[in-house]
Amino acid sequence: PTLENYEVTCHTKQENSIIVSFSC
């Protein structure tokens, strides 16, 4: 329950790839 700083590739509506660091 404390996932931290996981780097994940996401995609915007414009189909651009971005790298987001998630804490969950």
PDB file of all heavy atoms in Angstrom:
ATOM      1  N   PRO A   1       0.800  -1.236   0.000  1.00  0.00           N
ATOM      2  CA  PRO A   1       0.000   0.000   0.000  1.00  0.00           C
ATOM      3  C   PRO A   1       0.829   1.282   0.000  1.00  0.00           C
ATOM      4  O   PRO A   1       0.251   2.362   0.037  1.00  0.00           O
ATOM      5  CB  PRO A   1      -0.811  -0.128   1.292  1.00  0.00           C
ATOM      6  CG  PRO A   1      -0.005  -1.029   2.165  1.00  0.00           C
ATOM      7  CD  PRO A   1       0.704  -1.973   1.260  1.00  0.00           C
ATOM      8  N   THR A   2       2.145   1.194  -0.058  1.00  0.00           N
ATOM      9  CA  THR A   2       2.970   2.414  -0.112  1.00  0.00           C
ATOM     10  C   THR A   2       3.967   2.317  -1.263  1.00  0.00           C
ATOM     11  O   THR A   2       5.170   2.482  -1.091  1.00  0.00           O
ATOM     12  CB  THR A   2       3.723   2.631   1.212  1.00  0.00           C
ATOM     13  OG1 THR A   2       4.501   1.468   1.518  1.00  0.00           O
ATOM     14  CG2 THR A   2       2.760   2.928   2.346  1.00  0.00           C
ATOM     15  N   LEU A   3       3.470   2.022  -2.442  1.00  0.00           N
ATOM     16  CA  LEU A   3       4.324   2.020  -3.631  1.00  0.00           C
ATOM     17  C   LEU A   3       4.830   3.443  -3.887  1.00  0.00           C
ATOM     18  O   LEU A   3       4.035   4.384  -3.929  1.00  0.00           O
ATOM     19  CB  LEU A   3       3.538   1.524  -4.846  1.00  0.00           C
ATOM     20  CG  LEU A   3       3.237   0.019  -4.908  1.00  0.00           C
ATOM     21  CD1 LEU A   3       2.291  -0.266  -6.059  1.00  0.00           C
ATOM     22  CD2 LEU A   3       4.511  -0.784  -5.066  1.00  0.00           C
ATOM     23  N   GLU A   4       6.148   3.584  -4.080  1.00  0.00           N
ATOM     24  CA  GLU A   4       6.718   4.914  -4.201  1.00  0.00           C
ATOM     25  C   GLU A   4       7.672   4.998  -5.388  1.00  0.00           C
ATOM     26  O   GLU A   4       8.455   4.081  -5.649  1.00  0.00           O
ATOM     27  CB  GLU A   4       7.481   5.296  -2.923  1.00  0.00           C
ATOM     28  CG  GLU A   4       6.607   5.329  -1.690  1.00  0.00           C
ATOM     29  CD  GLU A   4       7.434   5.526  -0.428  1.00  0.00           C
ATOM     30  OE1 GLU A   4       8.664   5.569  -0.531  1.00  0.00           O
ATOM     31  OE2 GLU A   4       6.838   5.621   0.649  1.00  0.00           O
ATOM     32  N   ASN A   5       7.588   6.121  -6.075  1.00  0.00           N
ATOM     33  CA  ASN A   5       8.549   6.488  -7.119  1.00  0.00           C
ATOM     34  C   ASN A   5       8.703   5.409  -8.188  1.00  0.00           C
ATOM     35  O   ASN A   5       9.818   5.062  -8.582  1.00  0.00           O
ATOM     36  CB  ASN A   5       9.915   6.808  -6.497  1.00  0.00           C
ATOM     37  CG  ASN A   5       9.836   7.964  -5.514  1.00  0.00           C
ATOM     38  OD1 ASN A   5       9.080   8.909  -5.723  1.00  0.00           O
ATOM     39  ND2 ASN A   5      10.600   7.883  -4.434  1.00  0.00           N
ATOM     40  N   TYR A   6       7.586   4.900  -8.650  1.00  0.00           N
ATOM     41  CA  TYR A   6       7.621   3.972  -9.761  1.00  0.00           C
ATOM     42  C   TYR A   6       7.539   4.760 -11.067  1.00  0.00           C
ATOM     43  O   TYR A   6       6.590   5.508 -11.293  1.00  0.00           O
ATOM     44  CB  TYR A   6       6.477   2.954  -9.685  1.00  0.00           C
ATOM     45  CG  TYR A   6       6.833   1.735  -8.878  1.00  0.00           C
ATOM     46  CD1 TYR A   6       6.884   1.795  -7.493  1.00  0.00           C
ATOM     47  CD2 TYR A   6       7.154   0.538  -9.506  1.00  0.00           C
ATOM     48  CE1 TYR A   6       7.224   0.671  -6.747  1.00  0.00           C
ATOM     49  CE2 TYR A   6       7.491  -0.595  -8.760  1.00  0.00           C
ATOM     50  CZ  TYR A   6       7.514  -0.515  -7.387  1.00  0.00           C
ATOM     51  OH  TYR A   6       7.847  -1.621  -6.643  1.00  0.00           O
ATOM     52  N   GLU A   7       8.565   4.590 -11.901  1.00  0.00           N
ATOM     53  CA  GLU A   7       8.632   5.324 -13.163  1.00  0.00           C
ATOM     54  C   GLU A   7       7.903   4.534 -14.240  1.00  0.00           C
ATOM     55  O   GLU A   7       8.237   3.380 -14.512  1.00  0.00           O
ATOM     56  CB  GLU A   7      10.088   5.576 -13.552  1.00  0.00           C
ATOM     57  CG  GLU A   7      10.836   6.433 -12.537  1.00  0.00           C
ATOM     58  CD  GLU A   7      12.292   6.639 -12.887  1.00  0.00           C
ATOM     59  OE1 GLU A   7      12.708   6.175 -13.972  1.00  0.00           O
ATOM     60  OE2 GLU A   7      13.012   7.262 -12.088  1.00  0.00           O
ATOM     61  N   VAL A   8       6.922   5.186 -14.836  1.00  0.00           N
ATOM     62  CA  VAL A   8       6.053   4.517 -15.792  1.00  0.00           C
ATOM     63  C   VAL A   8       5.892   5.403 -17.021  1.00  0.00           C
ATOM     64  O   VAL A   8       5.791   6.631 -16.906  1.00  0.00           O
ATOM     65  CB  VAL A   8       4.666   4.229 -15.180  1.00  0.00           C
ATOM     66  CG1 VAL A   8       3.761   3.578 -16.206  1.00  0.00           C
ATOM     67  CG2 VAL A   8       4.809   3.339 -13.948  1.00  0.00           C
ATOM     68  N   THR A   9       5.889   4.806 -18.193  1.00  0.00           N
ATOM     69  CA  THR A   9       5.634   5.544 -19.430  1.00  0.00           C
ATOM     70  C   THR A   9       4.132   5.639 -19.654  1.00  0.00           C
ATOM     71  O   THR A   9       3.433   4.622 -19.694  1.00  0.00           O
ATOM     72  CB  THR A   9       6.296   4.847 -20.628  1.00  0.00           C
ATOM     73  OG1 THR A   9       7.706   4.801 -20.429  1.00  0.00           O
ATOM     74  CG2 THR A   9       6.007   5.611 -21.922  1.00  0.00           C
ATOM     75  N   CYS A  10       3.651   6.868 -19.791  1.00  0.00           N
ATOM     76  CA  CYS A  10       2.226   7.124 -20.042  1.00  0.00           C
ATOM     77  C   CYS A  10       2.074   7.783 -21.408  1.00  0.00           C
ATOM     78  O   CYS A  10       3.059   8.171 -22.056  1.00  0.00           O
ATOM     79  CB  CYS A  10       1.647   8.029 -18.956  1.00  0.00           C
ATOM     80  SG  CYS A  10       1.884   7.432 -17.275  1.00  0.00           S
ATOM     81  N   HIS A  11       0.837   7.944 -21.822  1.00  0.00           N
ATOM     82  CA  HIS A  11       0.561   8.569 -23.116  1.00  0.00           C
ATOM     83  C   HIS A  11      -0.533   9.618 -22.961  1.00  0.00           C
ATOM     84  O   HIS A  11      -1.568   9.365 -22.348  1.00  0.00           O
ATOM     85  CB  HIS A  11       0.134   7.513 -24.147  1.00  0.00           C
ATOM     86  CG  HIS A  11       1.232   6.544 -24.483  1.00  0.00           C
ATOM     87  ND1 HIS A  11       1.505   5.441 -23.705  1.00  0.00           N
ATOM     88  CD2 HIS A  11       2.135   6.533 -25.497  1.00  0.00           C
ATOM     89  CE1 HIS A  11       2.522   4.781 -24.235  1.00  0.00           C
ATOM     90  NE2 HIS A  11       2.915   5.430 -25.307  1.00  0.00           N
ATOM     91  N   THR A  12      -0.261  10.776 -23.515  1.00  0.00           N
ATOM     92  CA  THR A  12      -1.233  11.857 -23.456  1.00  0.00           C
ATOM     93  C   THR A  12      -2.296  11.666 -24.522  1.00  0.00           C
ATOM     94  O   THR A  12      -2.195  10.776 -25.376  1.00  0.00           O
ATOM     95  CB  THR A  12      -0.533  13.211 -23.658  1.00  0.00           C
ATOM     96  OG1 THR A  12      -0.037  13.271 -25.012  1.00  0.00           O
ATOM     97  CG2 THR A  12       0.633  13.381 -22.693  1.00  0.00           C
ATOM     98  N   LYS A  13      -3.259  12.513 -24.469  1.00  0.00           N
ATOM     99  CA  LYS A  13      -4.323  12.464 -25.476  1.00  0.00           C
ATOM    100  C   LYS A  13      -3.762  12.687 -26.873  1.00  0.00           C
ATOM    101  O   LYS A  13      -4.267  12.129 -27.852  1.00  0.00           O
ATOM    102  CB  LYS A  13      -5.382  13.526 -25.157  1.00  0.00           C
ATOM    103  CG  LYS A  13      -6.547  13.550 -26.132  1.00  0.00           C
ATOM    104  CD  LYS A  13      -7.539  14.647 -25.766  1.00  0.00           C
ATOM    105  CE  LYS A  13      -8.696  14.708 -26.763  1.00  0.00           C
ATOM    106  NZ  LYS A  13      -9.661  15.785 -26.420  1.00  0.00           N
ATOM    107  N   GLN A  14      -2.683  13.476 -26.963  1.00  0.00           N
ATOM    108  CA  GLN A  14      -2.045  13.767 -28.246  1.00  0.00           C
ATOM    109  C   GLN A  14      -1.074  12.675 -28.676  1.00  0.00           C
ATOM    110  O   GLN A  14      -0.282  12.862 -29.605  1.00  0.00           O
ATOM    111  CB  GLN A  14      -1.304  15.113 -28.174  1.00  0.00           C
ATOM    112  CG  GLN A  14      -2.201  16.321 -27.976  1.00  0.00           C
ATOM    113  CD  GLN A  14      -2.748  16.430 -26.566  1.00  0.00           C
ATOM    114  OE1 GLN A  14      -2.125  15.942 -25.615  1.00  0.00           O
ATOM    115  NE2 GLN A  14      -3.917  17.055 -26.413  1.00  0.00           N
ATOM    116  N   GLU A  15      -1.083  11.517 -27.972  1.00  0.00           N
ATOM    117  CA  GLU A  15      -0.233  10.363 -28.269  1.00  0.00           C
ATOM    118  C   GLU A  15       1.240  10.628 -27.994  1.00  0.00           C
ATOM    119  O   GLU A  15       2.115   9.952 -28.547  1.00  0.00           O
ATOM    120  CB  GLU A  15      -0.405   9.913 -29.739  1.00  0.00           C
ATOM    121  CG  GLU A  15      -1.793   9.441 -30.093  1.00  0.00           C
ATOM    122  CD  GLU A  15      -2.200   8.210 -29.279  1.00  0.00           C
ATOM    123  OE1 GLU A  15      -1.329   7.371 -29.003  1.00  0.00           O
ATOM    124  OE2 GLU A  15      -3.376   8.110 -28.912  1.00  0.00           O
ATOM    125  N   ASN A  16       1.544  11.605 -27.152  1.00  0.00           N
ATOM    126  CA  ASN A  16       2.926  11.849 -26.749  1.00  0.00           C
ATOM    127  C   ASN A  16       3.272  10.959 -25.558  1.00  0.00           C
ATOM    128  O   ASN A  16       2.468  10.799 -24.638  1.00  0.00           O
ATOM    129  CB  ASN A  16       3.122  13.313 -26.369  1.00  0.00           C
ATOM    130  CG  ASN A  16       2.901  14.247 -27.544  1.00  0.00           C
ATOM    131  OD1 ASN A  16       3.270  13.918 -28.672  1.00  0.00           O
ATOM    132  ND2 ASN A  16       2.289  15.397 -27.295  1.00  0.00           N
ATOM    133  N   SER A  17       4.469  10.411 -25.583  1.00  0.00           N
ATOM    134  CA  SER A  17       4.931   9.587 -24.462  1.00  0.00           C
ATOM    135  C   SER A  17       5.550  10.487 -23.391  1.00  0.00           C
ATOM    136  O   SER A  17       6.343  11.373 -23.701  1.00  0.00           O
ATOM    137  CB  SER A  17       5.968   8.566 -24.939  1.00  0.00           C
ATOM    138  OG  SER A  17       5.378   7.632 -25.814  1.00  0.00           O
ATOM    139  N   ILE A  18       5.183  10.270 -22.147  1.00  0.00           N
ATOM    140  CA  ILE A  18       5.767  10.994 -21.024  1.00  0.00           C
ATOM    141  C   ILE A  18       6.145   9.980 -19.952  1.00  0.00           C
ATOM    142  O   ILE A  18       5.572   8.890 -19.880  1.00  0.00           O
ATOM    143  CB  ILE A  18       4.799  12.050 -20.441  1.00  0.00           C
ATOM    144  CG1 ILE A  18       3.475  11.401 -20.024  1.00  0.00           C
ATOM    145  CG2 ILE A  18       4.572  13.187 -21.415  1.00  0.00           C
ATOM    146  CD1 ILE A  18       2.528  12.358 -19.318  1.00  0.00           C
ATOM    147  N   ILE A  19       7.122  10.328 -19.143  1.00  0.00           N
ATOM    148  CA  ILE A  19       7.541   9.452 -18.048  1.00  0.00           C
ATOM    149  C   ILE A  19       7.071  10.077 -16.742  1.00  0.00           C
ATOM    150  O   ILE A  19       7.393  11.228 -16.441  1.00  0.00           O
ATOM    151  CB  ILE A  19       9.068   9.269 -18.045  1.00  0.00           C
ATOM    152  CG1 ILE A  19       9.531   8.699 -19.393  1.00  0.00           C
ATOM    153  CG2 ILE A  19       9.488   8.329 -16.912  1.00  0.00           C
ATOM    154  CD1 ILE A  19      11.026   8.600 -19.530  1.00  0.00           C
ATOM    155  N   VAL A  20       6.302   9.335 -15.985  1.00  0.00           N
ATOM    156  CA  VAL A  20       5.707   9.836 -14.748  1.00  0.00           C
ATOM    157  C   VAL A  20       6.180   8.954 -13.587  1.00  0.00           C
ATOM    158  O   VAL A  20       6.182   7.725 -13.685  1.00  0.00           O
ATOM    159  CB  VAL A  20       4.172   9.828 -14.824  1.00  0.00           C
ATOM    160  CG1 VAL A  20       3.562  10.346 -13.523  1.00  0.00           C
ATOM    161  CG2 VAL A  20       3.696  10.677 -16.003  1.00  0.00           C
ATOM    162  N   SER A  21       6.582   9.614 -12.497  1.00  0.00           N
ATOM    163  CA  SER A  21       6.955   8.905 -11.274  1.00  0.00           C
ATOM    164  C   SER A  21       5.743   8.867 -10.352  1.00  0.00           C
ATOM    165  O   SER A  21       5.271   9.910  -9.890  1.00  0.00           O
ATOM    166  CB  SER A  21       8.135   9.608 -10.593  1.00  0.00           C
ATOM    167  OG  SER A  21       8.452   8.978  -9.377  1.00  0.00           O
ATOM    168  N   PHE A  22       5.236   7.658 -10.101  1.00  0.00           N
ATOM    169  CA  PHE A  22       4.012   7.498  -9.324  1.00  0.00           C
ATOM    170  C   PHE A  22       4.317   7.032  -7.898  1.00  0.00           C
ATOM    171  O   PHE A  22       5.186   6.196  -7.661  1.00  0.00           O
ATOM    172  CB  PHE A  22       3.091   6.461  -9.977  1.00  0.00           C
ATOM    173  CG  PHE A  22       2.293   6.994 -11.123  1.00  0.00           C
ATOM    174  CD1 PHE A  22       2.606   6.660 -12.426  1.00  0.00           C
ATOM    175  CD2 PHE A  22       1.217   7.846 -10.879  1.00  0.00           C
ATOM    176  CE1 PHE A  22       1.852   7.151 -13.482  1.00  0.00           C
ATOM    177  CE2 PHE A  22       0.466   8.338 -11.931  1.00  0.00           C
ATOM    178  CZ  PHE A  22       0.784   7.991 -13.242  1.00  0.00           C
ATOM    179  N   SER A  23       3.563   7.581  -6.960  1.00  0.00           N
ATOM    180  CA  SER A  23       3.453   7.052  -5.609  1.00  0.00           C
ATOM    181  C   SER A  23       1.995   6.678  -5.404  1.00  0.00           C
ATOM    182  O   SER A  23       1.100   7.479  -5.725  1.00  0.00           O
ATOM    183  CB  SER A  23       3.907   8.087  -4.570  1.00  0.00           C
ATOM    184  OG  SER A  23       5.285   8.368  -4.703  1.00  0.00           O
ATOM    185  N   CYS A  24       1.754   5.484  -4.911  1.00  0.00           N
ATOM    186  CA  CYS A  24       0.387   4.959  -4.898  1.00  0.00           C
ATOM    187  C   CYS A  24       0.045   4.379  -3.525  1.00  0.00           C
ATOM    188  O   CYS A  24       0.917   3.897  -2.790  1.00  0.00           O
ATOM    189  CB  CYS A  24       0.216   3.861  -5.952  1.00  0.00           C
ATOM    190  SG  CYS A  24       0.842   4.287  -7.587  1.00  0.00           S
TER     191      CYS A  24
END
